[in-house]
mmCIF file of all heavy atoms, coordinates in Angstrom:
data_MODEL
# 
_entry.id   MODEL 
# 
loop_
_atom_site.group_PDB 
_atom_site.id 
_atom_site.type_symbol 
_atom_site.label_atom_id 
_atom_site.label_alt_id 
_atom_site.label_comp_id 
_atom_site.label_asym_id 
_atom_site.label_entity_id 
_atom_site.label_seq_id 
_atom_site.pdbx_PDB_ins_code 
_atom_site.Cartn_x 
_atom_site.Cartn_y 
_atom_site.Cartn_z 
_atom_site.occupancy 
_atom_site.B_iso_or_equiv 
_atom_site.pdbx_formal_charge 
_atom_site.auth_seq_id 
_atom_site.auth_comp_id 
_atom_site.auth_asym_id 
_atom_site.auth_atom_id 
_atom_site.pdbx_PDB_model_num 
ATOM 1   N N   . ALA A 1 1  ? 60.584 68.271  98.180  1.00 0.00 ? 1  ALA A N   1 
ATOM 2   C CA  . ALA A 1 1  ? 59.768 67.879  99.330  1.00 0.00 ? 1  ALA A CA  1 
ATOM 3   C C   . ALA A 1 1  ? 58.724 68.945  99.640  1.00 0.00 ? 1  ALA A C   1 
ATOM 4   O O   . ALA A 1 1  ? 58.902 70.133  99.336  1.00 0.00 ? 1  ALA A O   1 
ATOM 5   C CB  . ALA A 1 1  ? 60.648 67.631  100.548 1.00 0.00 ? 1  ALA A CB  1 
ATOM 6   N N   . LYS A 1 2  ? 57.656 68.508  100.268 1.00 0.00 ? 2  LYS A N   1 
ATOM 7   C CA  . LYS A 1 2  ? 56.568 69.417  100.631 1.00 0.00 ? 2  LYS A CA  1 
ATOM 8   C C   . LYS A 1 2  ? 56.608 69.808  102.104 1.00 0.00 ? 2  LYS A C   1 
ATOM 9   O O   . LYS A 1 2  ? 56.015 70.810  102.492 1.00 0.00 ? 2  LYS A O   1 
ATOM 10  C CB  . LYS A 1 2  ? 55.220 68.760  100.325 1.00 0.00 ? 2  LYS A CB  1 
ATOM 11  C CG  . LYS A 1 2  ? 55.028 68.402  98.855  1.00 0.00 ? 2  LYS A CG  1 
ATOM 12  C CD  . LYS A 1 2  ? 53.728 67.632  98.649  1.00 0.00 ? 2  LYS A CD  1 
ATOM 13  C CE  . LYS A 1 2  ? 53.564 67.220  97.188  1.00 0.00 ? 2  LYS A CE  1 
ATOM 14  N NZ  . LYS A 1 2  ? 52.340 66.398  96.977  1.00 0.00 ? 2  LYS A NZ  1 
ATOM 15  N N   . ASP A 1 3  ? 57.304 69.005  102.912 1.00 0.00 ? 3  ASP A N   1 
ATOM 16  C CA  . ASP A 1 3  ? 57.244 69.208  104.352 1.00 0.00 ? 3  ASP A CA  1 
ATOM 17  C C   . ASP A 1 3  ? 58.599 68.889  104.970 1.00 0.00 ? 3  ASP A C   1 
ATOM 18  O O   . ASP A 1 3  ? 59.141 67.807  104.753 1.00 0.00 ? 3  ASP A O   1 
ATOM 19  C CB  . ASP A 1 3  ? 56.163 68.290  104.952 1.00 0.00 ? 3  ASP A CB  1 
ATOM 20  C CG  . ASP A 1 3  ? 55.753 68.715  106.336 1.00 0.00 ? 3  ASP A CG  1 
ATOM 21  O OD1 . ASP A 1 3  ? 56.536 68.487  107.278 1.00 0.00 ? 3  ASP A OD1 1 
ATOM 22  O OD2 . ASP A 1 3  ? 54.654 69.254  106.484 1.00 0.00 ? 3  ASP A OD2 1 
ATOM 23  N N   . TYR A 1 4  ? 59.136 69.844  105.720 1.00 0.00 ? 4  TYR A N   1 
ATOM 24  C CA  . TYR A 1 4  ? 60.430 69.684  106.370 1.00 0.00 ? 4  TYR A CA  1 
ATOM 25  C C   . TYR A 1 4  ? 60.253 69.859  107.872 1.00 0.00 ? 4  TYR A C   1 
ATOM 26  O O   . TYR A 1 4  ? 59.618 70.827  108.324 1.00 0.00 ? 4  TYR A O   1 
ATOM 27  C CB  . TYR A 1 4  ? 61.435 70.731  105.872 1.00 0.00 ? 4  TYR A CB  1 
ATOM 28  C CG  . TYR A 1 4  ? 61.657 70.744  104.377 1.00 0.00 ? 4  TYR A CG  1 
ATOM 29  C CD1 . TYR A 1 4  ? 60.790 71.443  103.532 1.00 0.00 ? 4  TYR A CD1 1 
ATOM 30  C CD2 . TYR A 1 4  ? 62.736 70.073  103.801 1.00 0.00 ? 4  TYR A CD2 1 
ATOM 31  C CE1 . TYR A 1 4  ? 60.992 71.466  102.153 1.00 0.00 ? 4  TYR A CE1 1 
ATOM 32  C CE2 . TYR A 1 4  ? 62.936 70.093  102.432 1.00 0.00 ? 4  TYR A CE2 1 
ATOM 33  C CZ  . TYR A 1 4  ? 62.065 70.793  101.616 1.00 0.00 ? 4  TYR A CZ  1 
ATOM 34  O OH  . TYR A 1 4  ? 62.261 70.813  100.252 1.00 0.00 ? 4  TYR A OH  1 
ATOM 35  N N   . THR A 1 5  ? 60.832 68.961  108.655 1.00 0.00 ? 5  THR A N   1 
ATOM 36  C CA  . THR A 1 5  ? 60.817 69.087  110.111 1.00 0.00 ? 5  THR A CA  1 
ATOM 37  C C   . THR A 1 5  ? 62.247 69.157  110.607 1.00 0.00 ? 5  THR A C   1 
ATOM 38  O O   . THR A 1 5  ? 63.029 68.221  110.414 1.00 0.00 ? 5  THR A O   1 
ATOM 39  C CB  . THR A 1 5  ? 60.098 67.897  110.773 1.00 0.00 ? 5  THR A CB  1 
ATOM 40  O OG1 . THR A 1 5  ? 58.739 67.859  110.318 1.00 0.00 ? 5  THR A OG1 1 
ATOM 41  C CG2 . THR A 1 5  ? 60.112 68.034  112.287 1.00 0.00 ? 5  THR A CG2 1 
ATOM 42  N N   . LEU A 1 6  ? 62.608 70.274  111.233 1.00 0.00 ? 6  LEU A N   1 
ATOM 43  C CA  . LEU A 1 6  ? 63.942 70.505  111.765 1.00 0.00 ? 6  LEU A CA  1 
ATOM 44  C C   . LEU A 1 6  ? 63.870 70.548  113.281 1.00 0.00 ? 6  LEU A C   1 
ATOM 45  O O   . LEU A 1 6  ? 62.888 71.039  113.856 1.00 0.00 ? 6  LEU A O   1 
ATOM 46  C CB  . LEU A 1 6  ? 64.518 71.822  111.252 1.00 0.00 ? 6  LEU A CB  1 
ATOM 47  C CG  . LEU A 1 6  ? 65.154 71.851  109.859 1.00 0.00 ? 6  LEU A CG  1 
ATOM 48  C CD1 . LEU A 1 6  ? 64.153 71.458  108.781 1.00 0.00 ? 6  LEU A CD1 1 
ATOM 49  C CD2 . LEU A 1 6  ? 65.732 73.241  109.559 1.00 0.00 ? 6  LEU A CD2 1 
ATOM 50  N N   . VAL A 1 7  ? 64.921 70.047  113.932 1.00 0.00 ? 7  VAL A N   1 
ATOM 51  C CA  . VAL A 1 7  ? 64.974 70.024  115.391 1.00 0.00 ? 7  VAL A CA  1 
ATOM 52  C C   . VAL A 1 7  ? 66.336 70.515  115.857 1.00 0.00 ? 7  VAL A C   1 
ATOM 53  O O   . VAL A 1 7  ? 67.375 70.031  115.390 1.00 0.00 ? 7  VAL A O   1 
ATOM 54  C CB  . VAL A 1 7  ? 64.720 68.608  115.946 1.00 0.00 ? 7  VAL A CB  1 
ATOM 55  C CG1 . VAL A 1 7  ? 64.871 68.592  117.460 1.00 0.00 ? 7  VAL A CG1 1 
ATOM 56  C CG2 . VAL A 1 7  ? 63.335 68.118  115.556 1.00 0.00 ? 7  VAL A CG2 1 
ATOM 57  N N   . GLY A 1 8  ? 66.337 71.461  116.786 1.00 0.00 ? 8  GLY A N   1 
ATOM 58  C CA  . GLY A 1 8  ? 67.560 71.943  117.412 1.00 0.00 ? 8  GLY A CA  1 
ATOM 59  C C   . GLY A 1 8  ? 67.240 72.431  118.802 1.00 0.00 ? 8  GLY A C   1 
ATOM 60  O O   . GLY A 1 8  ? 66.085 72.385  119.247 1.00 0.00 ? 8  GLY A O   1 
ATOM 61  N N   . LEU A 1 9  ? 68.239 72.914  119.517 1.00 0.00 ? 9  LEU A N   1 
ATOM 62  C CA  . LEU A 1 9  ? 68.006 73.437  120.857 1.00 0.00 ? 9  LEU A CA  1 
ATOM 63  C C   . LEU A 1 9  ? 67.816 74.947  120.886 1.00 0.00 ? 9  LEU A C   1 
ATOM 64  O O   . LEU A 1 9  ? 67.299 75.485  121.852 1.00 0.00 ? 9  LEU A O   1 
ATOM 65  C CB  . LEU A 1 9  ? 69.182 73.075  121.782 1.00 0.00 ? 9  LEU A CB  1 
ATOM 66  C CG  . LEU A 1 9  ? 69.218 71.647  122.312 1.00 0.00 ? 9  LEU A CG  1 
ATOM 67  C CD1 . LEU A 1 9  ? 70.404 71.478  123.247 1.00 0.00 ? 9  LEU A CD1 1 
ATOM 68  C CD2 . LEU A 1 9  ? 67.938 71.293  123.030 1.00 0.00 ? 9  LEU A CD2 1 
ATOM 69  N N   . GLU A 1 10 ? 68.239 75.631  119.861 1.00 0.00 ? 10 GLU A N   1 
ATOM 70  C CA  . GLU A 1 10 ? 68.184 77.086  119.865 1.00 0.00 ? 10 GLU A CA  1 
ATOM 71  C C   . GLU A 1 10 ? 66.739 77.586  119.881 1.00 0.00 ? 10 GLU A C   1 
ATOM 72  O O   . GLU A 1 10 ? 65.863 76.990  119.260 1.00 0.00 ? 10 GLU A O   1 
ATOM 73  C CB  . GLU A 1 10 ? 68.907 77.649  118.641 1.00 0.00 ? 10 GLU A CB  1 
ATOM 74  C CG  . GLU A 1 10 ? 70.403 77.420  118.661 1.00 0.00 ? 10 GLU A CG  1 
ATOM 75  C CD  . GLU A 1 10 ? 70.784 75.977  118.374 1.00 0.00 ? 10 GLU A CD  1 
ATOM 76  O OE1 . GLU A 1 10 ? 70.026 75.269  117.703 1.00 0.00 ? 10 GLU A OE1 1 
ATOM 77  O OE2 . GLU A 1 10 ? 71.845 75.551  118.850 1.00 0.00 ? 10 GLU A OE2 1 
ATOM 78  N N   . PRO A 1 11 ? 66.462 78.699  120.577 1.00 0.00 ? 11 PRO A N   1 
ATOM 79  C CA  . PRO A 1 11 ? 65.101 79.232  120.638 1.00 0.00 ? 11 PRO A CA  1 
ATOM 80  C C   . PRO A 1 11 ? 64.662 79.772  119.288 1.00 0.00 ? 11 PRO A C   1 
ATOM 81  O O   . PRO A 1 11 ? 65.482 80.093  118.429 1.00 0.00 ? 11 PRO A O   1 
ATOM 82  C CB  . PRO A 1 11 ? 65.213 80.358  121.668 1.00 0.00 ? 11 PRO A CB  1 
ATOM 83  C CG  . PRO A 1 11 ? 66.650 80.780  121.601 1.00 0.00 ? 11 PRO A CG  1 
ATOM 84  C CD  . PRO A 1 11 ? 67.431 79.514  121.332 1.00 0.00 ? 11 PRO A CD  1 
ATOM 85  N N   . VAL A 1 12 ? 63.350 79.880  119.106 1.00 0.00 ? 12 VAL A N   1 
ATOM 86  C CA  . VAL A 1 12 ? 62.804 80.371  117.842 1.00 0.00 ? 12 VAL A CA  1 
ATOM 87  C C   . VAL A 1 12 ? 63.224 81.808  117.579 1.00 0.00 ? 12 VAL A C   1 
ATOM 88  O O   . VAL A 1 12 ? 63.644 82.162  116.478 1.00 0.00 ? 12 VAL A O   1 
ATOM 89  C CB  . VAL A 1 12 ? 61.263 80.249  117.835 1.00 0.00 ? 12 VAL A CB  1 
ATOM 90  C CG1 . VAL A 1 12 ? 60.680 80.954  116.618 1.00 0.00 ? 12 VAL A CG1 1 
ATOM 91  C CG2 . VAL A 1 12 ? 60.860 78.787  117.831 1.00 0.00 ? 12 VAL A CG2 1 
ATOM 92  N N   . GLY A 1 13 ? 63.097 82.676  118.577 1.00 0.00 ? 13 GLY A N   1 
ATOM 93  C CA  . GLY A 1 13 ? 63.470 84.064  118.376 1.00 0.00 ? 13 GLY A CA  1 
ATOM 94  C C   . GLY A 1 13 ? 62.402 84.864  117.652 1.00 0.00 ? 13 GLY A C   1 
ATOM 95  O O   . GLY A 1 13 ? 61.222 84.511  117.675 1.00 0.00 ? 13 GLY A O   1 
ATOM 96  N N   . CYS A 1 14 ? 62.797 85.938  116.988 1.00 0.00 ? 14 CYS A N   1 
ATOM 97  C CA  . CYS A 1 14 ? 61.823 86.859  116.428 1.00 0.00 ? 14 CYS A CA  1 
ATOM 98  C C   . CYS A 1 14 ? 62.453 87.707  115.336 1.00 0.00 ? 14 CYS A C   1 
ATOM 99  O O   . CYS A 1 14 ? 63.664 87.701  115.151 1.00 0.00 ? 14 CYS A O   1 
ATOM 100 C CB  . CYS A 1 14 ? 61.291 87.781  117.529 1.00 0.00 ? 14 CYS A CB  1 
ATOM 101 S SG  . CYS A 1 14 ? 62.607 88.763  118.304 1.00 0.00 ? 14 CYS A SG  1 
ATOM 102 N N   . VAL A 1 15 ? 61.610 88.425  114.621 1.00 0.00 ? 15 VAL A N   1 
ATOM 103 C CA  . VAL A 1 15 ? 62.054 89.498  113.731 1.00 0.00 ? 15 VAL A CA  1 
ATOM 104 C C   . VAL A 1 15 ? 61.215 90.723  114.061 1.00 0.00 ? 15 VAL A C   1 
ATOM 105 O O   . VAL A 1 15 ? 60.038 90.598  114.418 1.00 0.00 ? 15 VAL A O   1 
ATOM 106 C CB  . VAL A 1 15 ? 61.922 89.133  112.236 1.00 0.00 ? 15 VAL A CB  1 
ATOM 107 C CG1 . VAL A 1 15 ? 62.803 87.956  111.896 1.00 0.00 ? 15 VAL A CG1 1 
ATOM 108 C CG2 . VAL A 1 15 ? 60.490 88.841  111.858 1.00 0.00 ? 15 VAL A CG2 1 
ATOM 109 N N   . PRO A 1 16 ? 61.771 91.911  113.969 1.00 0.00 ? 16 PRO A N   1 
ATOM 110 C CA  . PRO A 1 16 ? 61.019 93.114  114.335 1.00 0.00 ? 16 PRO A CA  1 
ATOM 111 C C   . PRO A 1 16 ? 59.832 93.361  113.412 1.00 0.00 ? 16 PRO A C   1 
ATOM 112 O O   . PRO A 1 16 ? 59.917 93.159  112.203 1.00 0.00 ? 16 PRO A O   1 
ATOM 113 C CB  . PRO A 1 16 ? 62.057 94.236  114.199 1.00 0.00 ? 16 PRO A CB  1 
ATOM 114 C CG  . PRO A 1 16 ? 63.375 93.557  114.314 1.00 0.00 ? 16 PRO A CG  1 
ATOM 115 C CD  . PRO A 1 16 ? 63.180 92.206  113.684 1.00 0.00 ? 16 PRO A CD  1 
ATOM 116 N N   . SER A 1 17 ? 58.735 93.809  113.996 1.00 0.00 ? 17 SER A N   1 
ATOM 117 C CA  . SER A 1 17 ? 57.584 94.226  113.204 1.00 0.00 ? 17 SER A CA  1 
ATOM 118 C C   . SER A 1 17 ? 57.542 95.734  113.045 1.00 0.00 ? 17 SER A C   1 
ATOM 119 O O   . SER A 1 17 ? 56.827 96.257  112.188 1.00 0.00 ? 17 SER A O   1 
ATOM 120 C CB  . SER A 1 17 ? 56.282 93.752  113.867 1.00 0.00 ? 17 SER A CB  1 
ATOM 121 O OG  . SER A 1 17 ? 56.202 94.252  115.202 1.00 0.00 ? 17 SER A OG  1 
ATOM 122 N N   . ASN A 1 18 ? 58.324 96.434  113.839 1.00 0.00 ? 18 ASN A N   1 
ATOM 123 C CA  . ASN A 1 18 ? 58.372 97.897  113.797 1.00 0.00 ? 18 ASN A CA  1 
ATOM 124 C C   . ASN A 1 18 ? 59.641 98.334  113.067 1.00 0.00 ? 18 ASN A C   1 
ATOM 125 O O   . ASN A 1 18 ? 60.743 97.922  113.430 1.00 0.00 ? 18 ASN A O   1 
ATOM 126 C CB  . ASN A 1 18 ? 58.358 98.452  115.228 1.00 0.00 ? 18 ASN A CB  1 
ATOM 127 C CG  . ASN A 1 18 ? 58.195 99.948  115.267 1.00 0.00 ? 18 ASN A CG  1 
ATOM 128 O OD1 . ASN A 1 18 ? 58.638 100.653 114.357 1.00 0.00 ? 18 ASN A OD1 1 
ATOM 129 N ND2 . ASN A 1 18 ? 57.557 100.439 116.322 1.00 0.00 ? 18 ASN A ND2 1 
ATOM 130 N N   . THR A 1 19 ? 59.483 99.156  112.044 1.00 0.00 ? 19 THR A N   1 
ATOM 131 C CA  . THR A 1 19 ? 60.643 99.596  111.259 1.00 0.00 ? 19 THR A CA  1 
ATOM 132 C C   . THR A 1 19 ? 61.718 100.222 112.126 1.00 0.00 ? 19 THR A C   1 
ATOM 133 O O   . THR A 1 19 ? 62.919 100.054 111.865 1.00 0.00 ? 19 THR A O   1 
ATOM 134 C CB  . THR A 1 19 ? 60.189 100.598 110.178 1.00 0.00 ? 19 THR A CB  1 
ATOM 135 O OG1 . THR A 1 19 ? 59.215 99.981  109.359 1.00 0.00 ? 19 THR A OG1 1 
ATOM 136 C CG2 . THR A 1 19 ? 61.363 101.040 109.319 1.00 0.00 ? 19 THR A CG2 1 
ATOM 137 N N   . ALA A 1 20 ? 61.325 100.925 113.167 1.00 0.00 ? 20 ALA A N   1 
ATOM 138 C CA  . ALA A 1 20 ? 62.301 101.594 114.023 1.00 0.00 ? 20 ALA A CA  1 
ATOM 139 C C   . ALA A 1 20 ? 63.244 100.606 114.697 1.00 0.00 ? 20 ALA A C   1 
ATOM 140 O O   . ALA A 1 20 ? 64.372 100.965 115.060 1.00 0.00 ? 20 ALA A O   1 
ATOM 141 C CB  . ALA A 1 20 ? 61.572 102.431 115.076 1.00 0.00 ? 20 ALA A CB  1 
ATOM 142 N N   . ASN A 1 21 ? 62.802 99.357  114.859 1.00 0.00 ? 21 ASN A N   1 
ATOM 143 C CA  . ASN A 1 21 ? 63.639 98.360  115.522 1.00 0.00 ? 21 ASN A CA  1 
ATOM 144 C C   . ASN A 1 21 ? 64.761 97.824  114.631 1.00 0.00 ? 21 ASN A C   1 
ATOM 145 O O   . ASN A 1 21 ? 65.650 97.138  115.113 1.00 0.00 ? 21 ASN A O   1 
ATOM 146 C CB  . ASN A 1 21 ? 62.783 97.200  116.017 1.00 0.00 ? 21 ASN A CB  1 
ATOM 147 C CG  . ASN A 1 21 ? 61.869 97.606  117.159 1.00 0.00 ? 21 ASN A CG  1 
ATOM 148 O OD1 . ASN A 1 21 ? 62.183 98.532  117.897 1.00 0.00 ? 21 ASN A OD1 1 
ATOM 149 N ND2 . ASN A 1 21 ? 60.743 96.934  117.292 1.00 0.00 ? 21 ASN A ND2 1 
ATOM 150 N N   . TYR A 1 22 ? 64.691 98.119  113.328 1.00 0.00 ? 22 TYR A N   1 
ATOM 151 C CA  . TYR A 1 22 ? 65.800 97.759  112.441 1.00 0.00 ? 22 TYR A CA  1 
ATOM 152 C C   . TYR A 1 22 ? 66.849 98.857  112.508 1.00 0.00 ? 22 TYR A C   1 
ATOM 153 O O   . TYR A 1 22 ? 67.069 99.600  111.559 1.00 0.00 ? 22 TYR A O   1 
ATOM 154 C CB  . TYR A 1 22 ? 65.298 97.576  111.011 1.00 0.00 ? 22 TYR A CB  1 
ATOM 155 C CG  . TYR A 1 22 ? 64.440 96.345  110.806 1.00 0.00 ? 22 TYR A CG  1 
ATOM 156 C CD1 . TYR A 1 22 ? 63.064 96.458  110.631 1.00 0.00 ? 22 TYR A CD1 1 
ATOM 157 C CD2 . TYR A 1 22 ? 65.005 95.074  110.779 1.00 0.00 ? 22 TYR A CD2 1 
ATOM 158 C CE1 . TYR A 1 22 ? 62.274 95.327  110.435 1.00 0.00 ? 22 TYR A CE1 1 
ATOM 159 C CE2 . TYR A 1 22 ? 64.226 93.945  110.582 1.00 0.00 ? 22 TYR A CE2 1 
ATOM 160 C CZ  . TYR A 1 22 ? 62.858 94.078  110.416 1.00 0.00 ? 22 TYR A CZ  1 
ATOM 161 O OH  . TYR A 1 22 ? 62.077 92.970  110.226 1.00 0.00 ? 22 TYR A OH  1 
ATOM 162 N N   . SER A 1 23 ? 67.469 98.956  113.640 1.00 0.00 ? 23 SER A N   1 
ATOM 163 C CA  . SER A 1 23 ? 68.484 99.990  113.838 1.00 0.00 ? 23 SER A CA  1 
ATOM 164 C C   . SER A 1 23 ? 69.731 99.643  113.027 1.00 0.00 ? 23 SER A C   1 
ATOM 165 O O   . SER A 1 23 ? 69.911 98.507  112.584 1.00 0.00 ? 23 SER A O   1 
ATOM 166 C CB  . SER A 1 23 ? 68.848 100.077 115.321 1.00 0.00 ? 23 SER A CB  1 
ATOM 167 O OG  . SER A 1 23 ? 69.482 98.878  115.734 1.00 0.00 ? 23 SER A OG  1 
ATOM 168 N N   . PRO A 1 24 ? 70.626 100.601 112.825 1.00 0.00 ? 24 PRO A N   1 
ATOM 169 C CA  . PRO A 1 24 ? 71.875 100.285 112.124 1.00 0.00 ? 24 PRO A CA  1 
ATOM 170 C C   . PRO A 1 24 ? 72.655 99.152  112.796 1.00 0.00 ? 24 PRO A C   1 
ATOM 171 O O   . PRO A 1 24 ? 73.373 98.415  112.127 1.00 0.00 ? 24 PRO A O   1 
ATOM 172 C CB  . PRO A 1 24 ? 72.648 101.612 112.177 1.00 0.00 ? 24 PRO A CB  1 
ATOM 173 C CG  . PRO A 1 24 ? 71.585 102.660 112.228 1.00 0.00 ? 24 PRO A CG  1 
ATOM 174 C CD  . PRO A 1 24 ? 70.481 102.052 113.077 1.00 0.00 ? 24 PRO A CD  1 
ATOM 175 N N   . GLU A 1 25 ? 72.485 99.000  114.101 1.00 0.00 ? 25 GLU A N   1 
ATOM 176 C CA  . GLU A 1 25 ? 73.194 97.945  114.818 1.00 0.00 ? 25 GLU A CA  1 
ATOM 177 C C   . GLU A 1 25 ? 72.562 96.573  114.612 1.00 0.00 ? 25 GLU A C   1 
ATOM 178 O O   . GLU A 1 25 ? 73.195 95.552  114.892 1.00 0.00 ? 25 GLU A O   1 
ATOM 179 C CB  . GLU A 1 25 ? 73.223 98.264  116.322 1.00 0.00 ? 25 GLU A CB  1 
ATOM 180 C CG  . GLU A 1 25 ? 74.048 99.482  116.711 1.00 0.00 ? 25 GLU A CG  1 
ATOM 181 C CD  . GLU A 1 25 ? 73.361 100.804 116.344 1.00 0.00 ? 25 GLU A CD  1 
ATOM 182 O OE1 . GLU A 1 25 ? 72.107 100.828 116.294 1.00 0.00 ? 25 GLU A OE1 1 
ATOM 183 O OE2 . GLU A 1 25 ? 74.088 101.798 116.113 1.00 0.00 ? 25 GLU A OE2 1 
ATOM 184 N N   . TYR A 1 26 ? 71.316 96.551  114.157 1.00 0.00 ? 26 TYR A N   1 
ATOM 185 C CA  . TYR A 1 26 ? 70.633 95.264  113.979 1.00 0.00 ? 26 TYR A CA  1 
ATOM 186 C C   . TYR A 1 26 ? 71.323 94.403  112.933 1.00 0.00 ? 26 TYR A C   1 
ATOM 187 O O   . TYR A 1 26 ? 71.443 93.184  113.094 1.00 0.00 ? 26 TYR A O   1 
ATOM 188 C CB  . TYR A 1 26 ? 69.177 95.493  113.574 1.00 0.00 ? 26 TYR A CB  1 
ATOM 189 C CG  . TYR A 1 26 ? 68.390 94.222  113.348 1.00 0.00 ? 26 TYR A CG  1 
ATOM 190 C CD1 . TYR A 1 26 ? 67.779 93.573  114.414 1.00 0.00 ? 26 TYR A CD1 1 
ATOM 191 C CD2 . TYR A 1 26 ? 68.254 93.660  112.072 1.00 0.00 ? 26 TYR A CD2 1 
ATOM 192 C CE1 . TYR A 1 26 ? 67.059 92.399  114.224 1.00 0.00 ? 26 TYR A CE1 1 
ATOM 193 C CE2 . TYR A 1 26 ? 67.535 92.487  111.873 1.00 0.00 ? 26 TYR A CE2 1 
ATOM 194 C CZ  . TYR A 1 26 ? 66.942 91.867  112.952 1.00 0.00 ? 26 TYR A CZ  1 
ATOM 195 O OH  . TYR A 1 26 ? 66.232 90.710  112.751 1.00 0.00 ? 26 TYR A OH  1 
ATOM 196 N N   . TRP A 1 27 ? 71.774 95.035  111.849 1.00 0.00 ? 27 TRP A N   1 
ATOM 197 C CA  . TRP A 1 27 ? 72.297 94.258  110.721 1.00 0.00 ? 27 TRP A CA  1 
ATOM 198 C C   . TRP A 1 27 ? 73.608 93.562  111.031 1.00 0.00 ? 27 TRP A C   1 
ATOM 199 O O   . TRP A 1 27 ? 73.771 92.376  110.689 1.00 0.00 ? 27 TRP A O   1 
ATOM 200 C CB  . TRP A 1 27 ? 72.403 95.149  109.482 1.00 0.00 ? 27 TRP A CB  1 
ATOM 201 C CG  . TRP A 1 27 ? 71.066 95.740  109.168 1.00 0.00 ? 27 TRP A CG  1 
ATOM 202 C CD1 . TRP A 1 27 ? 70.678 97.039  109.281 1.00 0.00 ? 27 TRP A CD1 1 
ATOM 203 C CD2 . TRP A 1 27 ? 69.903 95.011  108.746 1.00 0.00 ? 27 TRP A CD2 1 
ATOM 204 N NE1 . TRP A 1 27 ? 69.350 97.177  108.952 1.00 0.00 ? 27 TRP A NE1 1 
ATOM 205 C CE2 . TRP A 1 27 ? 68.846 95.960  108.621 1.00 0.00 ? 27 TRP A CE2 1 
ATOM 206 C CE3 . TRP A 1 27 ? 69.649 93.680  108.473 1.00 0.00 ? 27 TRP A CE3 1 
ATOM 207 C CZ2 . TRP A 1 27 ? 67.571 95.583  108.225 1.00 0.00 ? 27 TRP A CZ2 1 
ATOM 208 C CZ3 . TRP A 1 27 ? 68.378 93.302  108.075 1.00 0.00 ? 27 TRP A CZ3 1 
ATOM 209 C CH2 . TRP A 1 27 ? 67.359 94.244  107.958 1.00 0.00 ? 27 TRP A CH2 1 
ATOM 210 N N   . PRO A 1 28 ? 74.575 94.200  111.700 1.00 0.00 ? 28 PRO A N   1 
ATOM 211 C CA  . PRO A 1 28 ? 75.763 93.437  112.107 1.00 0.00 ? 28 PRO A CA  1 
ATOM 212 C C   . PRO A 1 28 ? 75.429 92.300  113.067 1.00 0.00 ? 28 PRO A C   1 
ATOM 213 O O   . PRO A 1 28 ? 76.031 91.226  112.993 1.00 0.00 ? 28 PRO A O   1 
ATOM 214 C CB  . PRO A 1 28 ? 76.645 94.492  112.784 1.00 0.00 ? 28 PRO A CB  1 
ATOM 215 C CG  . PRO A 1 28 ? 76.203 95.791  112.206 1.00 0.00 ? 28 PRO A CG  1 
ATOM 216 C CD  . PRO A 1 28 ? 74.731 95.644  111.970 1.00 0.00 ? 28 PRO A CD  1 
# 
């Protein structure tokens, strides 16, 4: 398929853009 549309209630959220925000606690 070329196009997928998913629907849920959970928020989109984010990923860090700053390396410092990938703390050791981020991965667990």
